Amino acid sequence: MGIGMTERAAGKAREMLVKRGTPESAIRIGVSTSGCSGLSYKLEYADVIEAADQVFESHGIRIVVDGKSLLVMDGTQVDFESTAFKSGFKFINPQVKEQCGCGESFKV
C-alpha cells in the first residue's frame, strides 16, 4: 500500500521545499509517542534518507517513512486543509481505531 498525498498536499509540500531552498529534498512522515491517545503524526524535511527508510512518491513528492511508523501508517493518505480557523496537513489513516477529542493523537 504505502503512503500517498493528495494533489493539494503535494502542492503545499512542494511550495515548502522550494521556499526552503531544497526543492529536490523529500518529506519525512512518521509517528511519535505522545498525546492523550498514544501516537501523533510528525512531518519534517528529509535531507537524509536512511537505508532502512521506505520511500514513496506521490504527485512528484518523495515521501520518506521509517519502518516502525509504516507499521501504523500503511495506507495513509495525506491531505492539506485550509479553513478560516486553521490550515495544515491532515492524515487519513485507515488503521486508526480511536482519536482523542482534539484530533492530535490516535490509537491503532
PDB file of N, CA and C in Angstrom:
ATOM      1  N   MET A   1       0.824  -1.197   0.000  1.00  0.00           N
ATOM      2  CA  MET A   1       0.000   0.000   0.000  1.00  0.00           C
ATOM      3  C   MET A   1       0.866   1.258   0.000  1.00  0.00           C
ATOM      4  N   GLY A   2       1.490   1.543   1.145  1.00  0.00           N
ATOM      5  CA  GLY A   2       2.349   2.714   1.238  1.00  0.00           C
ATOM      6  C   GLY A   2       1.652   3.951   1.753  1.00  0.00           C
ATOM      7  N   ILE A   3       2.265   5.092   1.493  1.00  0.00           N
ATOM      8  CA  ILE A   3       1.784   6.403   1.925  1.00  0.00           C
ATOM      9  C   ILE A   3       1.634   7.274   0.680  1.00  0.00           C
ATOM     10  N   GLY A   4       0.552   8.034   0.602  1.00  0.00           N
ATOM     11  CA  GLY A   4       0.337   8.912  -0.539  1.00  0.00           C
ATOM     12  C   GLY A   4      -0.093  10.302  -0.102  1.00  0.00           C
ATOM     13  N   MET A   5      -0.140  11.201  -1.056  1.00  0.00           N
ATOM     14  CA  MET A   5      -0.584  12.576  -0.816  1.00  0.00           C
ATOM     15  C   MET A   5      -1.604  12.959  -1.874  1.00  0.00           C
ATOM     16  N   THR A   6      -2.521  13.810  -1.503  1.00  0.00           N
ATOM     17  CA  THR A   6      -3.421  14.383  -2.492  1.00  0.00           C
ATOM     18  C   THR A   6      -2.630  15.415  -3.291  1.00  0.00           C
ATOM     19  N   GLU A   7      -3.170  15.837  -4.412  1.00  0.00           N
ATOM     20  CA  GLU A   7      -2.504  16.883  -5.204  1.00  0.00           C
ATOM     21  C   GLU A   7      -2.335  18.158  -4.395  1.00  0.00           C
ATOM     22  N   ARG A   8      -3.345  18.482  -3.594  1.00  0.00           N
ATOM     23  CA  ARG A   8      -3.295  19.702  -2.775  1.00  0.00           C
ATOM     24  C   ARG A   8      -2.160  19.624  -1.749  1.00  0.00           C
ATOM     25  N   ALA A   9      -2.007  18.467  -1.084  1.00  0.00           N
ATOM     26  CA  ALA A   9      -0.937  18.293  -0.100  1.00  0.00           C
ATOM     27  C   ALA A   9       0.427  18.314  -0.777  1.00  0.00           C
ATOM     28  N   ALA A  10       0.536  17.668  -1.920  1.00  0.00           N
ATOM     29  CA  ALA A  10       1.802  17.649  -2.655  1.00  0.00           C
ATOM     30  C   ALA A  10       2.181  19.061  -3.096  1.00  0.00           C
ATOM     31  N   GLY A  11       1.194  19.837  -3.518  1.00  0.00           N
ATOM     32  CA  GLY A  11       1.455  21.223  -3.915  1.00  0.00           C
ATOM     33  C   GLY A  11       1.979  22.048  -2.754  1.00  0.00           C
ATOM     34  N   LYS A  12       1.396  21.863  -1.584  1.00  0.00           N
ATOM     35  CA  LYS A  12       1.848  22.596  -0.394  1.00  0.00           C
ATOM     36  C   LYS A  12       3.249  22.131   0.009  1.00  0.00           C
ATOM     37  N   ALA A  13       3.505  20.816  -0.047  1.00  0.00           N
ATOM     38  CA  ALA A  13       4.832  20.291   0.285  1.00  0.00           C
ATOM     39  C   ALA A  13       5.879  20.842  -0.681  1.00  0.00           C
ATOM     40  N   ARG A  14       5.553  20.865  -1.958  1.00  0.00           N
ATOM     41  CA  ARG A  14       6.468  21.412  -2.975  1.00  0.00           C
ATOM     42  C   ARG A  14       6.764  22.878  -2.683  1.00  0.00           C
ATOM     43  N   GLU A  15       5.722  23.635  -2.356  1.00  0.00           N
ATOM     44  CA  GLU A  15       5.875  25.056  -2.019  1.00  0.00           C
ATOM     45  C   GLU A  15       6.820  25.231  -0.827  1.00  0.00           C
ATOM     46  N   MET A  16       6.676  24.376   0.187  1.00  0.00           N
ATOM     47  CA  MET A  16       7.528  24.454   1.374  1.00  0.00           C
ATOM     48  C   MET A  16       8.978  24.113   1.035  1.00  0.00           C
ATOM     49  N   LEU A  17       9.183  23.093   0.215  1.00  0.00           N
ATOM     50  CA  LEU A  17      10.538  22.690  -0.173  1.00  0.00           C
ATOM     51  C   LEU A  17      11.223  23.780  -1.001  1.00  0.00           C
ATOM     52  N   VAL A  18      10.483  24.389  -1.918  1.00  0.00           N
ATOM     53  CA  VAL A  18      11.040  25.460  -2.744  1.00  0.00           C
ATOM     54  C   VAL A  18      11.386  26.672  -1.879  1.00  0.00           C
ATOM     55  N   LYS A  19      10.473  27.037  -0.986  1.00  0.00           N
ATOM     56  CA  LYS A  19      10.706  28.188  -0.108  1.00  0.00           C
ATOM     57  C   LYS A  19      11.937  27.960   0.773  1.00  0.00           C
ATOM     58  N   ARG A  20      12.145  26.718   1.169  1.00  0.00           N
ATOM     59  CA  ARG A  20      13.295  26.355   1.995  1.00  0.00           C
ATOM     60  C   ARG A  20      14.590  26.341   1.187  1.00  0.00           C
ATOM     61  N   GLY A  21      14.472  26.270  -0.140  1.00  0.00           N
ATOM     62  CA  GLY A  21      15.646  26.229  -0.998  1.00  0.00           C
ATOM     63  C   GLY A  21      16.146  24.821  -1.281  1.00  0.00           C
ATOM     64  N   THR A  22      15.317  23.811  -0.996  1.00  0.00           N
ATOM     65  CA  THR A  22      15.704  22.412  -1.221  1.00  0.00           C
ATOM     66  C   THR A  22      14.601  21.684  -2.007  1.00  0.00           C
ATOM     67  N   PRO A  23      14.318  22.140  -3.230  1.00  0.00           N
ATOM     68  CA  PRO A  23      13.204  21.556  -3.976  1.00  0.00           C
ATOM     69  C   PRO A  23      13.364  20.074  -4.309  1.00  0.00           C
ATOM     70  N   GLU A  24      14.595  19.555  -4.270  1.00  0.00           N
ATOM     71  CA  GLU A  24      14.824  18.143  -4.594  1.00  0.00           C
ATOM     72  C   GLU A  24      14.764  17.246  -3.360  1.00  0.00           C
ATOM     73  N   SER A  25      14.609  17.834  -2.167  1.00  0.00           N
ATOM     74  CA  SER A  25      14.533  17.042  -0.939  1.00  0.00           C
ATOM     75  C   SER A  25      13.213  16.290  -0.872  1.00  0.00           C
ATOM     76  N   ALA A  26      13.059  15.536   0.190  1.00  0.00           N
ATOM     77  CA  ALA A  26      11.844  14.752   0.416  1.00  0.00           C
ATOM     78  C   ALA A  26      11.182  15.226   1.708  1.00  0.00           C
ATOM     79  N   ILE A  27       9.999  14.718   1.933  1.00  0.00           N
ATOM     80  CA  ILE A  27       9.256  14.987   3.162  1.00  0.00           C
ATOM     81  C   ILE A  27       9.248  13.702   3.981  1.00  0.00           C
ATOM     82  N   ARG A  28       9.616  13.799   5.254  1.00  0.00           N
ATOM     83  CA  ARG A  28       9.584  12.641   6.146  1.00  0.00           C
ATOM     84  C   ARG A  28       8.293  12.692   6.959  1.00  0.00           C
ATOM     85  N   ILE A  29       7.576  11.575   6.939  1.00  0.00           N
ATOM     86  CA  ILE A  29       6.342  11.449   7.701  1.00  0.00           C
ATOM     87  C   ILE A  29       6.515  10.281   8.660  1.00  0.00           C
ATOM     88  N   GLY A  30       6.093  10.470   9.888  1.00  0.00           N
ATOM     89  CA  GLY A  30       6.217   9.403  10.868  1.00  0.00           C
ATOM     90  C   GLY A  30       5.279   9.605  12.032  1.00  0.00           C
ATOM     91  N   VAL A  31       5.473   8.778  13.031  1.00  0.00           N
ATOM     92  CA  VAL A  31       4.688   8.887  14.256  1.00  0.00           C
ATOM     93  C   VAL A  31       5.630   8.929  15.441  1.00  0.00           C
ATOM     94  N   SER A  32       5.165   9.536  16.506  1.00  0.00           N
ATOM     95  CA  SER A  32       5.910   9.536  17.760  1.00  0.00           C
ATOM     96  C   SER A  32       4.926   9.243  18.882  1.00  0.00           C
ATOM     97  N   THR A  33       5.450   8.794  19.998  1.00  0.00           N
ATOM     98  CA  THR A  33       4.613   8.507  21.156  1.00  0.00           C
ATOM     99  C   THR A  33       4.344   9.813  21.873  1.00  0.00           C
ATOM    100  N   SER A  34       3.084  10.228  21.885  1.00  0.00           N
ATOM    101  CA  SER A  34       2.691  11.445  22.597  1.00  0.00           C
ATOM    102  C   SER A  34       1.183  11.609  22.502  1.00  0.00           C
ATOM    103  N   GLY A  35       0.691  12.611  23.175  1.00  0.00           N
ATOM    104  CA  GLY A  35      -0.740  12.898  23.134  1.00  0.00           C
ATOM    105  C   GLY A  35      -1.532  11.996  24.054  1.00  0.00           C
ATOM    106  N   CYS A  36      -2.801  12.293  24.179  1.00  0.00           N
ATOM    107  CA  CYS A  36      -3.643  11.547  25.115  1.00  0.00           C
ATOM    108  C   CYS A  36      -4.078  10.184  24.573  1.00  0.00           C
ATOM    109  N   SER A  37      -3.941   9.942  23.267  1.00  0.00           N
ATOM    110  CA  SER A  37      -4.319   8.650  22.708  1.00  0.00           C
ATOM    111  C   SER A  37      -3.125   7.760  22.392  1.00  0.00           C
ATOM    112  N   GLY A  38      -1.913   8.246  22.566  1.00  0.00           N
ATOM    113  CA  GLY A  38      -0.744   7.397  22.426  1.00  0.00           C
ATOM    114  C   GLY A  38       0.216   7.729  21.304  1.00  0.00           C
ATOM    115  N   LEU A  39      -0.277   8.045  20.103  1.00  0.00           N
ATOM    116  CA  LEU A  39       0.592   8.329  18.963  1.00  0.00           C
ATOM    117  C   LEU A  39       0.179   9.643  18.316  1.00  0.00           C
ATOM    118  N   SER A  40       1.154  10.341  17.768  1.00  0.00           N
ATOM    119  CA  SER A  40       0.837  11.542  16.994  1.00  0.00           C
ATOM    120  C   SER A  40       1.725  11.567  15.754  1.00  0.00           C
ATOM    121  N   TYR A  41       1.250  12.238  14.738  1.00  0.00           N
ATOM    122  CA  TYR A  41       1.981  12.322  13.472  1.00  0.00           C
ATOM    123  C   TYR A  41       3.061  13.384  13.547  1.00  0.00           C
ATOM    124  N   LYS A  42       4.122  13.171  12.793  1.00  0.00           N
ATOM    125  CA  LYS A  42       5.144  14.204  12.641  1.00  0.00           C
ATOM    126  C   LYS A  42       5.478  14.304  11.159  1.00  0.00           C
ATOM    127  N   LEU A  43       5.771  15.497  10.743  1.00  0.00           N
ATOM    128  CA  LEU A  43       6.101  15.771   9.349  1.00  0.00           C
ATOM    129  C   LEU A  43       7.282  16.721   9.363  1.00  0.00           C
ATOM    130  N   GLU A  44       8.356  16.359   8.652  1.00  0.00           N
ATOM    131  CA  GLU A  44       9.553  17.189   8.627  1.00  0.00           C
ATOM    132  C   GLU A  44      10.277  17.005   7.307  1.00  0.00           C
ATOM    133  N   TYR A  45      11.304  17.791   7.093  1.00  0.00           N
ATOM    134  CA  TYR A  45      12.104  17.658   5.880  1.00  0.00           C
ATOM    135  C   TYR A  45      13.006  16.437   6.011  1.00  0.00           C
ATOM    136  N   ALA A  46      13.226  15.740   4.904  1.00  0.00           N
ATOM    137  CA  ALA A  46      14.094  14.560   4.901  1.00  0.00           C
ATOM    138  C   ALA A  46      15.318  14.864   4.056  1.00  0.00           C
ATOM    139  N   ASP A  47      16.319  15.442   4.682  1.00  0.00           N
ATOM    140  CA  ASP A  47      17.560  15.744   3.974  1.00  0.00           C
ATOM    141  C   ASP A  47      18.429  14.501   3.826  1.00  0.00           C
ATOM    142  N   VAL A  48      18.251  13.546   4.739  1.00  0.00           N
ATOM    143  CA  VAL A  48      18.997  12.297   4.712  1.00  0.00           C
ATOM    144  C   VAL A  48      18.007  11.144   4.697  1.00  0.00           C
ATOM    145  N   ILE A  49      18.234  10.210   3.788  1.00  0.00           N
ATOM    146  CA  ILE A  49      17.390   9.018   3.718  1.00  0.00           C
ATOM    147  C   ILE A  49      18.235   7.837   4.180  1.00  0.00           C
ATOM    148  N   GLU A  50      17.779   7.195   5.249  1.00  0.00           N
ATOM    149  CA  GLU A  50      18.498   6.061   5.832  1.00  0.00           C
ATOM    150  C   GLU A  50      18.218   4.795   5.026  1.00  0.00           C
ATOM    151  N   ALA A  51      19.110   3.824   5.116  1.00  0.00           N
ATOM    152  CA  ALA A  51      18.974   2.567   4.367  1.00  0.00           C
ATOM    153  C   ALA A  51      17.683   1.832   4.717  1.00  0.00           C
ATOM    154  N   ALA A  52      17.229   1.942   5.964  1.00  0.00           N
ATOM    155  CA  ALA A  52      16.025   1.232   6.392  1.00  0.00           C
ATOM    156  C   ALA A  52      14.727   1.988   6.074  1.00  0.00           C
ATOM    157  N   ASP A  53      14.823   3.214   5.593  1.00  0.00           N
ATOM    158  CA  ASP A  53      13.632   4.004   5.264  1.00  0.00           C
ATOM    159  C   ASP A  53      12.933   3.454   4.025  1.00  0.00           C
ATOM    160  N   GLN A  54      11.638   3.626   3.984  1.00  0.00           N
ATOM    161  CA  GLN A  54      10.842   3.329   2.795  1.00  0.00           C
ATOM    162  C   GLN A  54      10.578   4.659   2.099  1.00  0.00           C
ATOM    163  N   VAL A  55      10.686   4.686   0.782  1.00  0.00           N
ATOM    164  CA  VAL A  55      10.460   5.917   0.026  1.00  0.00           C
ATOM    165  C   VAL A  55       9.316   5.686  -0.954  1.00  0.00           C
ATOM    166  N   PHE A  56       8.345   6.575  -0.914  1.00  0.00           N
ATOM    167  CA  PHE A  56       7.197   6.540  -1.814  1.00  0.00           C
ATOM    168  C   PHE A  56       7.179   7.845  -2.597  1.00  0.00           C
ATOM    169  N   GLU A  57       6.532   7.850  -3.736  1.00  0.00           N
ATOM    170  CA  GLU A  57       6.396   9.082  -4.498  1.00  0.00           C
ATOM    171  C   GLU A  57       4.927   9.313  -4.794  1.00  0.00           C
ATOM    172  N   SER A  58       4.498  10.553  -4.615  1.00  0.00           N
ATOM    173  CA  SER A  58       3.103  10.906  -4.848  1.00  0.00           C
ATOM    174  C   SER A  58       3.047  12.311  -5.432  1.00  0.00           C
ATOM    175  N   HIS A  59       2.529  12.440  -6.631  1.00  0.00           N
ATOM    176  CA  HIS A  59       2.392  13.742  -7.305  1.00  0.00           C
ATOM    177  C   HIS A  59       3.720  14.496  -7.342  1.00  0.00           C
ATOM    178  N   GLY A  60       4.818  13.755  -7.559  1.00  0.00           N
ATOM    179  CA  GLY A  60       6.126  14.376  -7.694  1.00  0.00           C
ATOM    180  C   GLY A  60       6.849  14.654  -6.389  1.00  0.00           C
ATOM    181  N   ILE A  61       6.271  14.288  -5.266  1.00  0.00           N
ATOM    182  CA  ILE A  61       6.902  14.489  -3.961  1.00  0.00           C
ATOM    183  C   ILE A  61       7.357  13.148  -3.416  1.00  0.00           C
ATOM    184  N   ARG A  62       8.627  13.084  -2.996  1.00  0.00           N
ATOM    185  CA  ARG A  62       9.123  11.870  -2.344  1.00  0.00           C
ATOM    186  C   ARG A  62       8.743  11.918  -0.871  1.00  0.00           C
ATOM    187  N   ILE A  63       8.180  10.823  -0.394  1.00  0.00           N
ATOM    188  CA  ILE A  63       7.744  10.689   0.996  1.00  0.00           C
ATOM    189  C   ILE A  63       8.595   9.602   1.637  1.00  0.00           C
ATOM    190  N   VAL A  64       9.265   9.936   2.718  1.00  0.00           N
ATOM    191  CA  VAL A  64      10.139   9.008   3.422  1.00  0.00           C
ATOM    192  C   VAL A  64       9.473   8.604   4.735  1.00  0.00           C
ATOM    193  N   VAL A  65       9.461   7.286   4.998  1.00  0.00           N
ATOM    194  CA  VAL A  65       8.835   6.765   6.219  1.00  0.00           C
ATOM    195  C   VAL A  65       9.740   5.697   6.812  1.00  0.00           C
ATOM    196  N   ASP A  66       9.960   5.775   8.116  1.00  0.00           N
ATOM    197  CA  ASP A  66      10.743   4.727   8.774  1.00  0.00           C
ATOM    198  C   ASP A  66       9.851   3.490   8.959  1.00  0.00           C
ATOM    199  N   GLY A  67      10.473   2.337   9.101  1.00  0.00           N
ATOM    200  CA  GLY A  67       9.746   1.072   9.180  1.00  0.00           C
ATOM    201  C   GLY A  67       8.756   0.992  10.323  1.00  0.00           C
ATOM    202  N   LYS A  68       9.115   1.496  11.495  1.00  0.00           N
ATOM    203  CA  LYS A  68       8.221   1.464  12.658  1.00  0.00           C
ATOM    204  C   LYS A  68       6.950   2.285  12.393  1.00  0.00           C
ATOM    205  N   SER A  69       7.133   3.468  11.827  1.00  0.00           N
ATOM    206  CA  SER A  69       5.975   4.321  11.528  1.00  0.00           C
ATOM    207  C   SER A  69       5.093   3.698  10.452  1.00  0.00           C
ATOM    208  N   LEU A  70       5.720   3.054   9.463  1.00  0.00           N
ATOM    209  CA  LEU A  70       4.958   2.455   8.373  1.00  0.00           C
ATOM    210  C   LEU A  70       4.007   1.383   8.885  1.00  0.00           C
ATOM    211  N   LEU A  71       4.381   0.688   9.955  1.00  0.00           N
ATOM    212  CA  LEU A  71       3.507  -0.346  10.521  1.00  0.00           C
ATOM    213  C   LEU A  71       2.140   0.207  10.915  1.00  0.00           C
ATOM    214  N   VAL A  72       2.107   1.432  11.424  1.00  0.00           N
ATOM    215  CA  VAL A  72       0.832   2.019  11.871  1.00  0.00           C
ATOM    216  C   VAL A  72       0.274   3.051  10.891  1.00  0.00           C
ATOM    217  N   MET A  73       1.019   3.298   9.781  1.00  0.00           N
ATOM    218  CA  MET A  73       0.567   4.298   8.809  1.00  0.00           C
ATOM    219  C   MET A  73       0.319   3.746   7.415  1.00  0.00           C
ATOM    220  N   ASP A  74       0.574   2.468   7.194  1.00  0.00           N
ATOM    221  CA  ASP A  74       0.418   1.905   5.855  1.00  0.00           C
ATOM    222  C   ASP A  74      -1.001   2.175   5.339  1.00  0.00           C
ATOM    223  N   GLY A  75      -1.096   2.731   4.163  1.00  0.00           N
ATOM    224  CA  GLY A  75      -2.392   3.066   3.572  1.00  0.00           C
ATOM    225  C   GLY A  75      -2.836   4.493   3.829  1.00  0.00           C
ATOM    226  N   THR A  76      -2.025   5.273   4.544  1.00  0.00           N
ATOM    227  CA  THR A  76      -2.401   6.650   4.889  1.00  0.00           C
ATOM    228  C   THR A  76      -2.312   7.562   3.671  1.00  0.00           C
ATOM    229  N   GLN A  77      -3.279   8.443   3.570  1.00  0.00           N
ATOM    230  CA  GLN A  77      -3.313   9.492   2.550  1.00  0.00           C
ATOM    231  C   GLN A  77      -3.187  10.822   3.284  1.00  0.00           C
ATOM    232  N   VAL A  78      -2.280  11.673   2.835  1.00  0.00           N
ATOM    233  CA  VAL A  78      -2.068  12.983   3.452  1.00  0.00           C
ATOM    234  C   VAL A  78      -2.750  14.033   2.585  1.00  0.00           C
ATOM    235  N   ASP A  79      -3.545  14.878   3.228  1.00  0.00           N
ATOM    236  CA  ASP A  79      -4.230  15.964   2.535  1.00  0.00           C
ATOM    237  C   ASP A  79      -3.803  17.274   3.185  1.00  0.00           C
ATOM    238  N   PHE A  80      -4.155  18.382   2.569  1.00  0.00           N
ATOM    239  CA  PHE A  80      -3.890  19.693   3.157  1.00  0.00           C
ATOM    240  C   PHE A  80      -5.204  20.442   3.198  1.00  0.00           C
ATOM    241  N   GLU A  81      -5.554  20.942   4.388  1.00  0.00           N
ATOM    242  CA  GLU A  81      -6.790  21.695   4.573  1.00  0.00           C
ATOM    243  C   GLU A  81      -6.466  23.133   4.943  1.00  0.00           C
ATOM    244  N   SER A  82      -7.272  24.028   4.445  1.00  0.00           N
ATOM    245  CA  SER A  82      -7.138  25.425   4.809  1.00  0.00           C
ATOM    246  C   SER A  82      -8.539  25.988   5.021  1.00  0.00           C
ATOM    247  N   THR A  83      -8.825  26.354   6.278  1.00  0.00           N
ATOM    248  CA  THR A  83     -10.134  26.919   6.609  1.00  0.00           C
ATOM    249  C   THR A  83      -9.920  28.297   7.224  1.00  0.00           C
ATOM    250  N   ALA A  84     -11.003  28.926   7.579  1.00  0.00           N
ATOM    251  CA  ALA A  84     -10.909  30.248   8.190  1.00  0.00           C
ATOM    252  C   ALA A  84     -10.220  30.190   9.551  1.00  0.00           C
ATOM    253  N   PHE A  85     -10.261  29.038  10.205  1.00  0.00           N
ATOM    254  CA  PHE A  85      -9.717  28.930  11.557  1.00  0.00           C
ATOM    255  C   PHE A  85      -8.357  28.257  11.647  1.00  0.00           C
ATOM    256  N   LYS A  86      -8.034  27.381  10.698  1.00  0.00           N
ATOM    257  CA  LYS A  86      -6.725  26.722  10.747  1.00  0.00           C
ATOM    258  C   LYS A  86      -6.375  26.143   9.384  1.00  0.00           C
ATOM    259  N   SER A  87      -5.098  25.890   9.209  1.00  0.00           N
ATOM    260  CA  SER A  87      -4.657  25.207   7.996  1.00  0.00           C
ATOM    261  C   SER A  87      -3.529  24.264   8.376  1.00  0.00           C
ATOM    262  N   GLY A  88      -3.437  23.166   7.650  1.00  0.00           N
ATOM    263  CA  GLY A  88      -2.381  22.216   7.929  1.00  0.00           C
ATOM    264  C   GLY A  88      -2.615  20.892   7.239  1.00  0.00           C
ATOM    265  N   PHE A  89      -1.665  20.015   7.401  1.00  0.00           N
ATOM    266  CA  PHE A  89      -1.755  18.696   6.807  1.00  0.00           C
ATOM    267  C   PHE A  89      -2.692  17.828   7.632  1.00  0.00           C
ATOM    268  N   LYS A  90      -3.463  17.018   6.943  1.00  0.00           N
ATOM    269  CA  LYS A  90      -4.428  16.122   7.580  1.00  0.00           C
ATOM    270  C   LYS A  90      -4.084  14.701   7.144  1.00  0.00           C
ATOM    271  N   PHE A  91      -4.049  13.785   8.101  1.00  0.00           N
ATOM    272  CA  PHE A  91      -3.690  12.397   7.830  1.00  0.00           C
ATOM    273  C   PHE A  91      -4.946  11.533   7.847  1.00  0.00           C
ATOM    274  N   ILE A  92      -5.225  10.870   6.732  1.00  0.00           N
ATOM    275  CA  ILE A  92      -6.367   9.964   6.637  1.00  0.00           C
ATOM    276  C   ILE A  92      -5.788   8.551   6.686  1.00  0.00           C
ATOM    277  N   ASN A  93      -5.842   7.975   7.884  1.00  0.00           N
ATOM    278  CA  ASN A  93      -5.203   6.700   8.162  1.00  0.00           C
ATOM    279  C   ASN A  93      -6.262   5.631   8.402  1.00  0.00           C
ATOM    280  N   PRO A  94      -6.363   4.634   7.518  1.00  0.00           N
ATOM    281  CA  PRO A  94      -7.391   3.601   7.674  1.00  0.00           C
ATOM    282  C   PRO A  94      -7.173   2.697   8.882  1.00  0.00           C
ATOM    283  N   GLN A  95      -6.010   2.762   9.505  1.00  0.00           N
ATOM    284  CA  GLN A  95      -5.721   1.905  10.655  1.00  0.00           C
ATOM    285  C   GLN A  95      -6.137   2.511  11.994  1.00  0.00           C
ATOM    286  N   VAL A  96      -6.531   3.779  12.013  1.00  0.00           N
ATOM    287  CA  VAL A  96      -6.889   4.445  13.264  1.00  0.00           C
ATOM    288  C   VAL A  96      -8.167   3.826  13.835  1.00  0.00           C
ATOM    289  N   LYS A  97      -8.069   3.444  15.095  1.00  0.00           N
ATOM    290  CA  LYS A  97      -9.228   2.866  15.803  1.00  0.00           C
ATOM    291  C   LYS A  97      -9.866   3.880  16.739  1.00  0.00           C
ATOM    292  N   GLU A  98      -9.070   4.832  17.205  1.00  0.00           N
ATOM    293  CA  GLU A  98      -9.550   5.804  18.177  1.00  0.00           C
ATOM    294  C   GLU A  98      -8.717   7.075  18.077  1.00  0.00           C
ATOM    295  N   GLN A  99      -9.361   8.228  18.209  1.00  0.00           N
ATOM    296  CA  GLN A  99      -8.676   9.517  18.197  1.00  0.00           C
ATOM    297  C   GLN A  99      -9.071  10.313  19.422  1.00  0.00           C
ATOM    298  N   CYS A 100      -8.165  11.149  19.905  1.00  0.00           N
ATOM    299  CA  CYS A 100      -8.521  11.997  21.017  1.00  0.00           C
ATOM    300  C   CYS A 100      -9.459  13.108  20.539  1.00  0.00           C
ATOM    301  N   GLY A 101     -10.095  13.788  21.441  1.00  0.00           N
ATOM    302  CA  GLY A 101     -11.053  14.829  21.101  1.00  0.00           C
ATOM    303  C   GLY A 101     -10.473  15.977  20.298  1.00  0.00           C
ATOM    304  N   CYS A 102      -9.218  16.311  20.539  1.00  0.00           N
ATOM    305  CA  CYS A 102      -8.606  17.426  19.820  1.00  0.00           C
ATOM    306  C   CYS A 102      -8.090  16.997  18.438  1.00  0.00           C
ATOM    307  N   GLY A 103      -8.045  15.685  18.178  1.00  0.00           N
ATOM    308  CA  GLY A 103      -7.607  15.200  16.871  1.00  0.00           C
ATOM    309  C   GLY A 103      -6.103  15.167  16.673  1.00  0.00           C
ATOM    310  N   GLU A 104      -5.348  15.416  17.724  1.00  0.00           N
ATOM    311  CA  GLU A 104      -3.886  15.471  17.611  1.00  0.00           C
ATOM    312  C   GLU A 104      -3.202  14.124  17.818  1.00  0.00           C
ATOM    313  N   SER A 105      -3.881  13.166  18.444  1.00  0.00           N
ATOM    314  CA  SER A 105      -3.254  11.868  18.669  1.00  0.00           C
ATOM    315  C   SER A 105      -4.258  10.754  18.393  1.00  0.00           C
ATOM    316  N   PHE A 106      -3.737   9.528  18.268  1.00  0.00           N
ATOM    317  CA  PHE A 106      -4.586   8.407  17.850  1.00  0.00           C
ATOM    318  C   PHE A 106      -4.058   7.084  18.378  1.00  0.00           C
ATOM    319  N   LYS A 107      -4.898   6.046  18.266  1.00  0.00           N
ATOM    320  CA  LYS A 107      -4.535   4.662  18.573  1.00  0.00           C
ATOM    321  C   LYS A 107      -4.875   3.807  17.365  1.00  0.00           C
ATOM    322  N   VAL A 108      -4.081   2.749  17.171  1.00  0.00           N
ATOM    323  CA  VAL A 108      -4.370   1.797  16.096  1.00  0.00           C
ATOM    324  C   VAL A 108      -4.711   0.445  16.683  1.00  0.00           C
TER     325      VAL A 108
END
